PDB file of N, CA and C in Angstrom:
ATOM      1  N   MET A   1       1.048  -1.261   0.490  1.00  0.00           N
ATOM      2  CA  MET A   1       0.089   0.169   0.164  1.00  0.00           C
ATOM      3  C   MET A   1       0.962   1.079  -0.024  1.00  0.00           C
ATOM      4  N   PRO A   2       0.663   2.211  -1.138  1.00  0.00           N
ATOM      5  CA  PRO A   2       1.906   3.288  -1.314  1.00  0.00           C
ATOM      6  C   PRO A   2       0.876   4.424   0.359  1.00  0.00           C
ATOM      7  N   GLN A   3       2.275   4.893   0.843  1.00  0.00           N
ATOM      8  CA  GLN A   3       2.472   5.655   1.773  1.00  0.00           C
ATOM      9  C   GLN A   3       2.784   7.226   1.348  1.00  0.00           C
ATOM     10  N   ASN A   4       2.568   7.791   1.611  1.00  0.00           N
ATOM     11  CA  ASN A   4       2.868   9.385   1.911  1.00  0.00           C
ATOM     12  C   ASN A   4       3.478   9.275  -0.063  1.00  0.00           C
ATOM     13  N   TRP A   5       2.546   9.405  -0.674  1.00  0.00           N
ATOM     14  CA  TRP A   5       2.727   8.795  -2.065  1.00  0.00           C
ATOM     15  C   TRP A   5       2.362  10.676  -2.551  1.00  0.00           C
ATOM     16  N   PRO A   6       3.277  10.840  -3.475  1.00  0.00           N
ATOM     17  CA  PRO A   6       4.368  10.284  -4.375  1.00  0.00           C
ATOM     18  C   PRO A   6       5.861  10.222  -3.201  1.00  0.00           C
ATOM     19  N   ASP A   7       6.315  11.484  -2.585  1.00  0.00           N
ATOM     20  CA  ASP A   7       7.518  11.583  -1.537  1.00  0.00           C
ATOM     21  C   ASP A   7       7.944  10.573  -0.839  1.00  0.00           C
ATOM     22  N   GLY A   8       6.823   9.424  -0.712  1.00  0.00           N
ATOM     23  CA  GLY A   8       7.516   8.264   0.243  1.00  0.00           C
ATOM     24  C   GLY A   8       8.279   7.147  -0.617  1.00  0.00           C
ATOM     25  N   HIS A   9       7.920   7.590  -2.398  1.00  0.00           N
ATOM     26  CA  HIS A   9       8.734   6.456  -3.216  1.00  0.00           C
ATOM     27  C   HIS A   9      10.122   7.381  -4.010  1.00  0.00           C
ATOM     28  N   VAL A  10       9.623   8.828  -4.585  1.00  0.00           N
ATOM     29  CA  VAL A  10      10.610   9.450  -5.472  1.00  0.00           C
ATOM     30  C   VAL A  10      10.669  10.330  -4.832  1.00  0.00           C
ATOM     31  N   ALA A  11      11.949  10.945  -4.927  1.00  0.00           N
ATOM     32  CA  ALA A  11      12.065  12.717  -4.568  1.00  0.00           C
ATOM     33  C   ALA A  11      13.253  12.888  -5.473  1.00  0.00           C
ATOM     34  N   VAL A  12      13.539  14.358  -6.096  1.00  0.00           N
ATOM     35  CA  VAL A  12      14.553  14.445  -7.045  1.00  0.00           C
ATOM     36  C   VAL A  12      15.024  16.239  -6.014  1.00  0.00           C
ATOM     37  N   GLU A  13      16.594  16.097  -6.330  1.00  0.00           N
ATOM     38  CA  GLU A  13      16.993  16.991  -5.488  1.00  0.00           C
ATOM     39  C   GLU A  13      17.997  17.912  -6.317  1.00  0.00           C
ATOM     40  N   LEU A  14      18.457  18.815  -6.529  1.00  0.00           N
ATOM     41  CA  LEU A  14      19.956  19.323  -6.670  1.00  0.00           C
ATOM     42  C   LEU A  14      21.021  18.719  -5.730  1.00  0.00           C
ATOM     43  N   ALA A  15      22.127  18.236  -6.243  1.00  0.00           N
ATOM     44  CA  ALA A  15      23.357  17.682  -5.347  1.00  0.00           C
ATOM     45  C   ALA A  15      23.902  19.053  -4.954  1.00  0.00           C
ATOM     46  N   GLY A  16      24.388  18.512  -3.982  1.00  0.00           N
ATOM     47  CA  GLY A  16      25.535  19.519  -3.591  1.00  0.00           C
ATOM     48  C   GLY A  16      26.572  20.270  -4.475  1.00  0.00           C
ATOM     49  N   ALA A  17      27.186  21.295  -4.031  1.00  0.00           N
ATOM     50  CA  ALA A  17      27.976  22.031  -4.569  1.00  0.00           C
ATOM     51  C   ALA A  17      29.108  21.162  -5.492  1.00  0.00           C
ATOM     52  N   ASN A  18      29.836  20.097  -4.568  1.00  0.00           N
ATOM     53  CA  ASN A  18      30.670  19.132  -5.217  1.00  0.00           C
ATOM     54  C   ASN A  18      30.038  18.623  -6.290  1.00  0.00           C
ATOM     55  N   GLU A  19      29.250  18.179  -6.405  1.00  0.00           N
ATOM     56  CA  GLU A  19      28.365  17.574  -7.908  1.00  0.00           C
ATOM     57  C   GLU A  19      28.006  18.296  -8.877  1.00  0.00           C
ATOM     58  N   ALA A  20      28.984  19.268  -9.672  1.00  0.00           N
ATOM     59  CA  ALA A  20      28.473  19.878 -10.838  1.00  0.00           C
ATOM     60  C   ALA A  20      27.186  19.415 -11.451  1.00  0.00           C
ATOM     61  N   GLU A  21      26.399  19.712 -11.820  1.00  0.00           N
ATOM     62  CA  GLU A  21      25.115  19.568 -12.666  1.00  0.00           C
ATOM     63  C   GLU A  21      24.716  18.157 -12.670  1.00  0.00           C
ATOM     64  N   CYS A  22      24.630  17.634 -11.313  1.00  0.00           N
ATOM     65  CA  CYS A  22      24.078  16.477 -10.909  1.00  0.00           C
ATOM     66  C   CYS A  22      22.777  16.668  -9.847  1.00  0.00           C
ATOM     67  N   LEU A  23      21.599  15.722 -10.068  1.00  0.00           N
ATOM     68  CA  LEU A  23      20.760  15.160  -9.822  1.00  0.00           C
ATOM     69  C   LEU A  23      20.594  14.221  -8.751  1.00  0.00           C
ATOM     70  N   GLU A  24      20.333  14.411  -7.562  1.00  0.00           N
ATOM     71  CA  GLU A  24      19.887  13.296  -6.634  1.00  0.00           C
ATOM     72  C   GLU A  24      19.018  12.505  -6.935  1.00  0.00           C
ATOM     73  N   ILE A  25      18.697  12.249  -7.201  1.00  0.00           N
ATOM     74  CA  ILE A  25      17.645  11.364  -7.426  1.00  0.00           C
ATOM     75  C   ILE A  25      16.863   9.951  -6.389  1.00  0.00           C
ATOM     76  N   THR A  26      15.883   9.967  -5.646  1.00  0.00           N
ATOM     77  CA  THR A  26      15.623   8.763  -4.499  1.00  0.00           C
ATOM     78  C   THR A  26      14.278   8.309  -4.838  1.00  0.00           C
ATOM     79  N   ILE A  27      15.219   6.837  -4.914  1.00  0.00           N
ATOM     80  CA  ILE A  27      13.663   5.485  -5.642  1.00  0.00           C
ATOM     81  C   ILE A  27      13.662   5.038  -4.322  1.00  0.00           C
ATOM     82  N   HIS A  28      12.619   4.880  -3.428  1.00  0.00           N
ATOM     83  CA  HIS A  28      12.490   3.561  -2.603  1.00  0.00           C
ATOM     84  C   HIS A  28      13.242   3.870  -1.278  1.00  0.00           C
ATOM     85  N   GLY A  29      13.640   4.894  -1.308  1.00  0.00           N
ATOM     86  CA  GLY A  29      15.179   5.186  -0.697  1.00  0.00           C
ATOM     87  C   GLY A  29      16.982   5.043  -0.936  1.00  0.00           C
ATOM     88  N   VAL A  30      16.396   4.623  -1.957  1.00  0.00           N
ATOM     89  CA  VAL A  30      17.827   4.541  -2.400  1.00  0.00           C
ATOM     90  C   VAL A  30      18.144   5.577  -3.558  1.00  0.00           C
ATOM     91  N   ARG A  31      19.689   6.025  -3.290  1.00  0.00           N
ATOM     92  CA  ARG A  31      19.838   7.250  -3.720  1.00  0.00           C
ATOM     93  C   ARG A  31      20.680   7.387  -5.013  1.00  0.00           C
ATOM     94  N   HIS A  32      20.587   7.797  -6.320  1.00  0.00           N
ATOM     95  CA  HIS A  32      21.542   7.690  -7.515  1.00  0.00           C
ATOM     96  C   HIS A  32      21.442   9.446  -7.853  1.00  0.00           C
ATOM     97  N   TYR A  33      23.202   8.980  -8.154  1.00  0.00           N
ATOM     98  CA  TYR A  33      23.218  10.546  -8.570  1.00  0.00           C
ATOM     99  C   TYR A  33      23.402  10.339 -10.237  1.00  0.00           C
ATOM    100  N   LEU A  34      22.709  11.806 -10.966  1.00  0.00           N
ATOM    101  CA  LEU A  34      22.686  11.601 -12.473  1.00  0.00           C
ATOM    102  C   LEU A  34      22.913  12.633 -12.655  1.00  0.00           C
ATOM    103  N   HIS A  35      24.099  12.759 -14.110  1.00  0.00           N
ATOM    104  CA  HIS A  35      24.463  13.927 -14.630  1.00  0.00           C
ATOM    105  C   HIS A  35      23.025  14.575 -14.909  1.00  0.00           C
ATOM    106  N   SER A  36      23.149  16.013 -15.438  1.00  0.00           N
ATOM    107  CA  SER A  36      21.791  16.150 -15.988  1.00  0.00           C
ATOM    108  C   SER A  36      21.297  15.722 -17.205  1.00  0.00           C
ATOM    109  N   THR A  37      22.519  15.578 -18.253  1.00  0.00           N
ATOM    110  CA  THR A  37      22.100  15.185 -18.985  1.00  0.00           C
ATOM    111  C   THR A  37      21.583  13.646 -19.798  1.00  0.00           C
ATOM    112  N   THR A  38      21.873  13.115 -18.419  1.00  0.00           N
ATOM    113  CA  THR A  38      21.433  11.629 -18.407  1.00  0.00           C
ATOM    114  C   THR A  38      20.052  11.540 -17.344  1.00  0.00           C
ATOM    115  N   ALA A  39      20.177  12.176 -16.611  1.00  0.00           N
ATOM    116  CA  ALA A  39      18.408  12.268 -16.071  1.00  0.00           C
ATOM    117  C   ALA A  39      17.655  12.837 -17.438  1.00  0.00           C
ATOM    118  N   ARG A  40      18.285  13.834 -18.310  1.00  0.00           N
ATOM    119  CA  ARG A  40      17.424  14.409 -19.279  1.00  0.00           C
ATOM    120  C   ARG A  40      16.944  12.971 -20.118  1.00  0.00           C
ATOM    121  N   GLU A  41      18.007  12.182 -20.459  1.00  0.00           N
ATOM    122  CA  GLU A  41      17.318  11.093 -21.576  1.00  0.00           C
ATOM    123  C   GLU A  41      17.067   9.834 -20.691  1.00  0.00           C
ATOM    124  N   LEU A  42      17.255   9.926 -19.237  1.00  0.00           N
ATOM    125  CA  LEU A  42      15.938   8.898 -18.204  1.00  0.00           C
ATOM    126  C   LEU A  42      14.918   9.465 -18.608  1.00  0.00           C
ATOM    127  N   SER A  43      14.229  10.374 -18.469  1.00  0.00           N
ATOM    128  CA  SER A  43      13.103  10.927 -18.632  1.00  0.00           C
ATOM    129  C   SER A  43      12.573  10.798 -19.756  1.00  0.00           C
ATOM    130  N   ASN A  44      13.516  10.971 -21.477  1.00  0.00           N
ATOM    131  CA  ASN A  44      12.754  10.763 -22.628  1.00  0.00           C
ATOM    132  C   ASN A  44      12.634   9.274 -22.598  1.00  0.00           C
ATOM    133  N   MET A  45      13.038   8.342 -22.189  1.00  0.00           N
ATOM    134  CA  MET A  45      12.842   7.066 -21.715  1.00  0.00           C
ATOM    135  C   MET A  45      11.417   6.302 -21.245  1.00  0.00           C
ATOM    136  N   LEU A  46      11.341   6.766 -20.111  1.00  0.00           N
ATOM    137  CA  LEU A  46      10.635   6.831 -19.282  1.00  0.00           C
ATOM    138  C   LEU A  46       8.897   7.111 -20.150  1.00  0.00           C
ATOM    139  N   LEU A  47       9.244   8.960 -20.734  1.00  0.00           N
ATOM    140  CA  LEU A  47       7.967   8.859 -20.980  1.00  0.00           C
ATOM    141  C   LEU A  47       7.548   8.631 -22.767  1.00  0.00           C
ATOM    142  N   THR A  48       8.421   7.726 -23.550  1.00  0.00           N
ATOM    143  CA  THR A  48       8.396   6.600 -24.471  1.00  0.00           C
ATOM    144  C   THR A  48       7.629   5.445 -24.126  1.00  0.00           C
ATOM    145  N   ARG A  49       8.111   4.691 -22.833  1.00  0.00           N
ATOM    146  CA  ARG A  49       7.411   3.538 -22.456  1.00  0.00           C
ATOM    147  C   ARG A  49       6.241   3.766 -21.965  1.00  0.00           C
ATOM    148  N   ILE A  50       5.717   5.168 -20.884  1.00  0.00           N
ATOM    149  CA  ILE A  50       4.503   5.361 -20.243  1.00  0.00           C
ATOM    150  C   ILE A  50       3.487   5.486 -21.330  1.00  0.00           C
ATOM    151  N   GLU A  51       4.585   6.452 -22.771  1.00  0.00           N
ATOM    152  CA  GLU A  51       2.723   6.276 -23.513  1.00  0.00           C
ATOM    153  C   GLU A  51       2.498   5.383 -24.563  1.00  0.00           C
ATOM    154  N   GLU A  52       3.456   4.093 -24.322  1.00  0.00           N
ATOM    155  CA  GLU A  52       3.086   2.652 -24.992  1.00  0.00           C
ATOM    156  C   GLU A  52       2.448   2.368 -24.268  1.00  0.00           C
TER     157      GLU A  52
END
């Protein structure tokens, strides 16, 4: 059962100053650091699959 949707499942923040042009993506409590261009491509791929 989802709790605190969507905040309990997915979050996006700007990474700290040491991580230039990176985003901190948290999915189910696991942090991932993605460069902005990688994050954009992931977004494009997700949108393609969602539309299918």
